[in-house]
PDB file of N, CA and C in Angstrom:
ATOM      1  N   MET A   1      23.241  -7.081   1.534  1.00  0.00           N
ATOM      2  CA  MET A   1      22.623  -7.703   2.067  1.00  0.00           C
ATOM      3  C   MET A   1      21.854  -8.924   0.960  1.00  0.00           C
ATOM      4  N   PRO A   2      22.301 -10.033   1.328  1.00  0.00           N
ATOM      5  CA  PRO A   2      21.974 -10.971   0.495  1.00  0.00           C
ATOM      6  C   PRO A   2      20.457 -11.201  -0.126  1.00  0.00           C
ATOM      7  N   VAL A   3      19.810 -11.530  -0.770  1.00  0.00           N
ATOM      8  CA  VAL A   3      18.249 -11.592  -1.159  1.00  0.00           C
ATOM      9  C   VAL A   3      18.300 -13.014  -1.231  1.00  0.00           C
ATOM     10  N   GLU A   4      16.950 -13.534  -0.928  1.00  0.00           N
ATOM     11  CA  GLU A   4      16.728 -14.649  -1.753  1.00  0.00           C
ATOM     12  C   GLU A   4      15.064 -14.942  -2.347  1.00  0.00           C
ATOM     13  N   ALA A   5      14.914 -16.244  -2.877  1.00  0.00           N
ATOM     14  CA  ALA A   5      13.835 -16.033  -3.543  1.00  0.00           C
ATOM     15  C   ALA A   5      13.521 -14.868  -4.896  1.00  0.00           C
ATOM     16  N   LEU A   6      14.409 -14.392  -5.838  1.00  0.00           N
ATOM     17  CA  LEU A   6      14.305 -13.283  -6.382  1.00  0.00           C
ATOM     18  C   LEU A   6      13.255 -13.873  -7.357  1.00  0.00           C
ATOM     19  N   GLN A   7      11.902 -12.679  -7.919  1.00  0.00           N
ATOM     20  CA  GLN A   7      10.987 -13.298  -8.888  1.00  0.00           C
ATOM     21  C   GLN A   7      10.937 -12.309  -9.440  1.00  0.00           C
ATOM     22  N   LEU A   8      10.683 -11.900 -10.678  1.00  0.00           N
ATOM     23  CA  LEU A   8       9.971 -11.339 -11.812  1.00  0.00           C
ATOM     24  C   LEU A   8       8.907 -11.233 -12.402  1.00  0.00           C
ATOM     25  N   LEU A   9       8.094 -10.646 -11.867  1.00  0.00           N
ATOM     26  CA  LEU A   9       6.745 -11.006 -12.674  1.00  0.00           C
ATOM     27  C   LEU A   9       6.444  -9.795 -13.645  1.00  0.00           C
ATOM     28  N   GLU A  10       5.572 -10.100 -14.512  1.00  0.00           N
ATOM     29  CA  GLU A  10       5.023  -9.397 -15.571  1.00  0.00           C
ATOM     30  C   GLU A  10       3.363  -9.341 -15.068  1.00  0.00           C
ATOM     31  N   ARG A  11       2.953  -8.239 -14.930  1.00  0.00           N
ATOM     32  CA  ARG A  11       1.558  -7.782 -14.428  1.00  0.00           C
ATOM     33  C   ARG A  11       0.973  -6.737 -15.656  1.00  0.00           C
ATOM     34  N   GLY A  12       0.415  -7.252 -16.689  1.00  0.00           N
ATOM     35  CA  GLY A  12       0.456  -6.808 -17.504  1.00  0.00           C
ATOM     36  C   GLY A  12       1.207  -5.589 -18.146  1.00  0.00           C
ATOM     37  N   PRO A  13       0.837  -4.306 -17.681  1.00  0.00           N
ATOM     38  CA  PRO A  13       1.982  -3.092 -18.033  1.00  0.00           C
ATOM     39  C   PRO A  13       2.739  -2.772 -17.169  1.00  0.00           C
ATOM     40  N   LEU A  14       2.975  -3.784 -15.919  1.00  0.00           N
ATOM     41  CA  LEU A  14       3.575  -3.550 -14.552  1.00  0.00           C
ATOM     42  C   LEU A  14       4.988  -4.616 -14.841  1.00  0.00           C
ATOM     43  N   LEU A  15       5.984  -4.782 -14.356  1.00  0.00           N
ATOM     44  CA  LEU A  15       7.063  -5.204 -13.791  1.00  0.00           C
ATOM     45  C   LEU A  15       7.146  -5.370 -12.192  1.00  0.00           C
ATOM     46  N   VAL A  16       7.262  -6.233 -11.675  1.00  0.00           N
ATOM     47  CA  VAL A  16       7.483  -6.593 -10.110  1.00  0.00           C
ATOM     48  C   VAL A  16       8.218  -7.515  -9.603  1.00  0.00           C
ATOM     49  N   LEU A  17       9.446  -6.977  -8.878  1.00  0.00           N
ATOM     50  CA  LEU A  17      10.518  -7.740  -8.617  1.00  0.00           C
ATOM     51  C   LEU A  17      10.275  -8.016  -7.436  1.00  0.00           C
ATOM     52  N   ARG A  18      10.553  -9.147  -6.644  1.00  0.00           N
ATOM     53  CA  ARG A  18       9.815  -9.496  -5.462  1.00  0.00           C
ATOM     54  C   ARG A  18      11.122 -10.355  -4.893  1.00  0.00           C
ATOM     55  N   TRP A  19      11.362 -10.409  -3.601  1.00  0.00           N
ATOM     56  CA  TRP A  19      12.193 -10.931  -3.258  1.00  0.00           C
ATOM     57  C   TRP A  19      12.459 -10.924  -1.626  1.00  0.00           C
ATOM     58  N   TRP A  20      13.199 -11.776  -1.015  1.00  0.00           N
ATOM     59  CA  TRP A  20      12.733 -11.864   0.764  1.00  0.00           C
ATOM     60  C   TRP A  20      14.589 -11.647   0.989  1.00  0.00           C
ATOM     61  N   GLN A  21      14.462 -10.855   2.039  1.00  0.00           N
ATOM     62  CA  GLN A  21      15.648  -9.924   2.914  1.00  0.00           C
ATOM     63  C   GLN A  21      15.183 -10.554   4.300  1.00  0.00           C
ATOM     64  N   GLY A  22      16.245 -11.508   4.574  1.00  0.00           N
ATOM     65  CA  GLY A  22      15.744 -11.920   6.223  1.00  0.00           C
ATOM     66  C   GLY A  22      14.623 -12.522   6.511  1.00  0.00           C
ATOM     67  N   ARG A  23      13.723 -12.034   7.069  1.00  0.00           N
ATOM     68  CA  ARG A  23      12.795 -12.529   7.368  1.00  0.00           C
ATOM     69  C   ARG A  23      11.599 -11.631   6.416  1.00  0.00           C
ATOM     70  N   CYS A  24      11.592 -10.461   6.059  1.00  0.00           N
ATOM     71  CA  CYS A  24      10.839  -9.395   5.291  1.00  0.00           C
ATOM     72  C   CYS A  24      11.280  -9.658   4.082  1.00  0.00           C
ATOM     73  N   ARG A  25       9.804  -9.537   3.622  1.00  0.00           N
ATOM     74  CA  ARG A  25       9.360  -9.839   1.703  1.00  0.00           C
ATOM     75  C   ARG A  25       9.524  -8.390   1.501  1.00  0.00           C
ATOM     76  N   ARG A  26      10.017  -8.331   0.306  1.00  0.00           N
ATOM     77  CA  ARG A  26      10.284  -6.752  -0.388  1.00  0.00           C
ATOM     78  C   ARG A  26       9.554  -6.680  -1.940  1.00  0.00           C
ATOM     79  N   GLN A  27       9.293  -5.908  -2.126  1.00  0.00           N
ATOM     80  CA  GLN A  27       8.847  -5.713  -3.705  1.00  0.00           C
ATOM     81  C   GLN A  27       9.096  -4.385  -4.222  1.00  0.00           C
ATOM     82  N   LEU A  28       9.400  -4.202  -5.647  1.00  0.00           N
ATOM     83  CA  LEU A  28       9.245  -3.147  -6.268  1.00  0.00           C
ATOM     84  C   LEU A  28       8.745  -3.198  -7.556  1.00  0.00           C
ATOM     85  N   LEU A  29       7.796  -1.926  -8.033  1.00  0.00           N
ATOM     86  CA  LEU A  29       7.298  -1.737  -9.027  1.00  0.00           C
ATOM     87  C   LEU A  29       7.472  -1.276 -10.360  1.00  0.00           C
ATOM     88  N   PHE A  30       7.770  -1.263 -11.132  1.00  0.00           N
ATOM     89  CA  PHE A  30       8.200  -0.712 -12.777  1.00  0.00           C
ATOM     90  C   PHE A  30       7.145  -0.405 -13.651  1.00  0.00           C
ATOM     91  N   TRP A  31       7.073   0.773 -13.987  1.00  0.00           N
ATOM     92  CA  TRP A  31       5.833   1.308 -15.072  1.00  0.00           C
ATOM     93  C   TRP A  31       7.154   0.879 -16.181  1.00  0.00           C
ATOM     94  N   PRO A  32       6.358   0.413 -17.703  1.00  0.00           N
ATOM     95  CA  PRO A  32       7.111   0.229 -18.617  1.00  0.00           C
ATOM     96  C   PRO A  32       8.014   1.995 -18.973  1.00  0.00           C
ATOM     97  N   ASP A  33       6.977   2.748 -18.985  1.00  0.00           N
ATOM     98  CA  ASP A  33       8.040   4.013 -19.252  1.00  0.00           C
ATOM     99  C   ASP A  33       8.632   4.331 -18.349  1.00  0.00           C
ATOM    100  N   THR A  34       8.961   4.172 -17.031  1.00  0.00           N
ATOM    101  CA  THR A  34      10.018   4.250 -16.264  1.00  0.00           C
ATOM    102  C   THR A  34      10.975   3.415 -16.371  1.00  0.00           C
ATOM    103  N   LEU A  35      11.165   2.733 -16.457  1.00  0.00           N
ATOM    104  CA  LEU A  35      12.267   1.948 -16.971  1.00  0.00           C
ATOM    105  C   LEU A  35      12.299   1.394 -18.680  1.00  0.00           C
ATOM    106  N   PRO A  36      13.648   2.018 -18.694  1.00  0.00           N
ATOM    107  CA  PRO A  36      13.935   1.720 -20.292  1.00  0.00           C
ATOM    108  C   PRO A  36      14.373   0.210 -20.781  1.00  0.00           C
ATOM    109  N   ARG A  37      13.700  -0.223 -22.137  1.00  0.00           N
ATOM    110  CA  ARG A  37      13.728  -1.141 -22.477  1.00  0.00           C
ATOM    111  C   ARG A  37      14.738  -2.447 -22.389  1.00  0.00           C
ATOM    112  N   ALA A  38      15.764  -1.630 -22.509  1.00  0.00           N
ATOM    113  CA  ALA A  38      17.143  -2.223 -22.342  1.00  0.00           C
ATOM    114  C   ALA A  38      17.646  -2.767 -20.724  1.00  0.00           C
ATOM    115  N   LEU A  39      17.160  -2.182 -19.815  1.00  0.00           N
ATOM    116  CA  LEU A  39      17.044  -2.140 -18.605  1.00  0.00           C
ATOM    117  C   LEU A  39      16.108  -3.120 -18.318  1.00  0.00           C
ATOM    118  N   ARG A  40      15.111  -3.232 -18.864  1.00  0.00           N
ATOM    119  CA  ARG A  40      14.112  -4.388 -18.410  1.00  0.00           C
ATOM    120  C   ARG A  40      14.532  -5.691 -18.801  1.00  0.00           C
ATOM    121  N   ARG A  41      15.104  -5.871 -19.908  1.00  0.00           N
ATOM    122  CA  ARG A  41      15.533  -6.873 -20.581  1.00  0.00           C
ATOM    123  C   ARG A  41      17.030  -7.305 -19.551  1.00  0.00           C
ATOM    124  N   GLU A  42      18.057  -6.637 -19.345  1.00  0.00           N
ATOM    125  CA  GLU A  42      18.912  -6.634 -17.861  1.00  0.00           C
ATOM    126  C   GLU A  42      18.525  -7.197 -17.119  1.00  0.00           C
ATOM    127  N   LEU A  43      16.871  -6.439 -16.619  1.00  0.00           N
ATOM    128  CA  LEU A  43      16.773  -7.220 -15.181  1.00  0.00           C
ATOM    129  C   LEU A  43      16.158  -8.673 -15.008  1.00  0.00           C
ATOM    130  N   ARG A  44      15.155  -8.465 -16.235  1.00  0.00           N
ATOM    131  CA  ARG A  44      14.690 -10.144 -16.639  1.00  0.00           C
ATOM    132  C   ARG A  44      16.236 -11.249 -16.420  1.00  0.00           C
ATOM    133  N   LEU A  45      17.369 -10.637 -17.285  1.00  0.00           N
ATOM    134  CA  LEU A  45      18.162 -11.694 -17.384  1.00  0.00           C
ATOM    135  C   LEU A  45      19.002 -11.979 -16.135  1.00  0.00           C
ATOM    136  N   ALA A  46      18.803 -10.777 -15.283  1.00  0.00           N
ATOM    137  CA  ALA A  46      19.411 -10.902 -13.822  1.00  0.00           C
ATOM    138  C   ALA A  46      18.630 -12.130 -13.177  1.00  0.00           C
ATOM    139  N   VAL A  47      17.571 -11.817 -12.898  1.00  0.00           N
ATOM    140  CA  VAL A  47      16.719 -12.606 -12.005  1.00  0.00           C
ATOM    141  C   VAL A  47      16.867 -13.873 -12.662  1.00  0.00           C
ATOM    142  N   GLN A  48      16.972 -14.508 -13.799  1.00  0.00           N
ATOM    143  CA  GLN A  48      16.919 -15.456 -14.155  1.00  0.00           C
ATOM    144  C   GLN A  48      18.359 -16.316 -13.956  1.00  0.00           C
ATOM    145  N   ALA A  49      19.065 -15.490 -13.924  1.00  0.00           N
ATOM    146  CA  ALA A  49      20.625 -15.943 -13.393  1.00  0.00           C
ATOM    147  C   ALA A  49      20.924 -16.012 -12.051  1.00  0.00           C
ATOM    148  N   HIS A  50      19.923 -15.275 -11.522  1.00  0.00           N
ATOM    149  CA  HIS A  50      19.488 -15.314  -9.838  1.00  0.00           C
ATOM    150  C   HIS A  50      21.040 -14.266  -9.314  1.00  0.00           C
ATOM    151  N   SER A  51      21.211 -12.901 -10.366  1.00  0.00           N
ATOM    152  CA  SER A  51      22.595 -12.098  -9.765  1.00  0.00           C
ATOM    153  C   SER A  51      21.957 -10.721  -9.945  1.00  0.00           C
ATOM    154  N   VAL A  52      22.494 -10.007  -9.424  1.00  0.00           N
ATOM    155  CA  VAL A  52      21.945  -8.369  -9.450  1.00  0.00           C
ATOM    156  C   VAL A  52      23.237  -7.583 -10.365  1.00  0.00           C
ATOM    157  N   SER A  53      22.708  -6.790 -11.310  1.00  0.00           N
ATOM    158  CA  SER A  53      23.520  -5.756 -11.987  1.00  0.00           C
ATOM    159  C   SER A  53      24.305  -4.714 -10.927  1.00  0.00           C
ATOM    160  N   ARG A  54      25.768  -4.529 -11.428  1.00  0.00           N
ATOM    161  CA  ARG A  54      26.478  -3.324 -10.694  1.00  0.00           C
ATOM    162  C   ARG A  54      26.572  -2.353 -10.859  1.00  0.00           C
ATOM    163  N   ARG A  55      25.832  -2.457 -12.750  1.00  0.00           N
ATOM    164  CA  ARG A  55      26.325  -0.937 -12.426  1.00  0.00           C
ATOM    165  C   ARG A  55      25.111   0.130 -12.541  1.00  0.00           C
ATOM    166  N   ALA A  56      25.602   1.298 -12.691  1.00  0.00           N
ATOM    167  CA  ALA A  56      24.622   2.426 -11.741  1.00  0.00           C
ATOM    168  C   ALA A  56      23.661   2.306 -12.790  1.00  0.00           C
ATOM    169  N   ALA A  57      22.661   3.009 -12.619  1.00  0.00           N
ATOM    170  CA  ALA A  57      21.375   3.170 -12.795  1.00  0.00           C
ATOM    171  C   ALA A  57      21.782   4.695 -14.130  1.00  0.00           C
TER     172      ALA A  57
END
């Protein structure tokens, strides 16, 4: 399902991924120790490019 208004926010030690899916606002929170450094970078770059990685975690 397509998403709109994808945002990645850094809130201290947390990464917050927010988006709109239809009329619902969704969000995911990541602690740095649960998301490896390489995946944090990939997530940040994907959000900037407004795309989502197709690679499995």
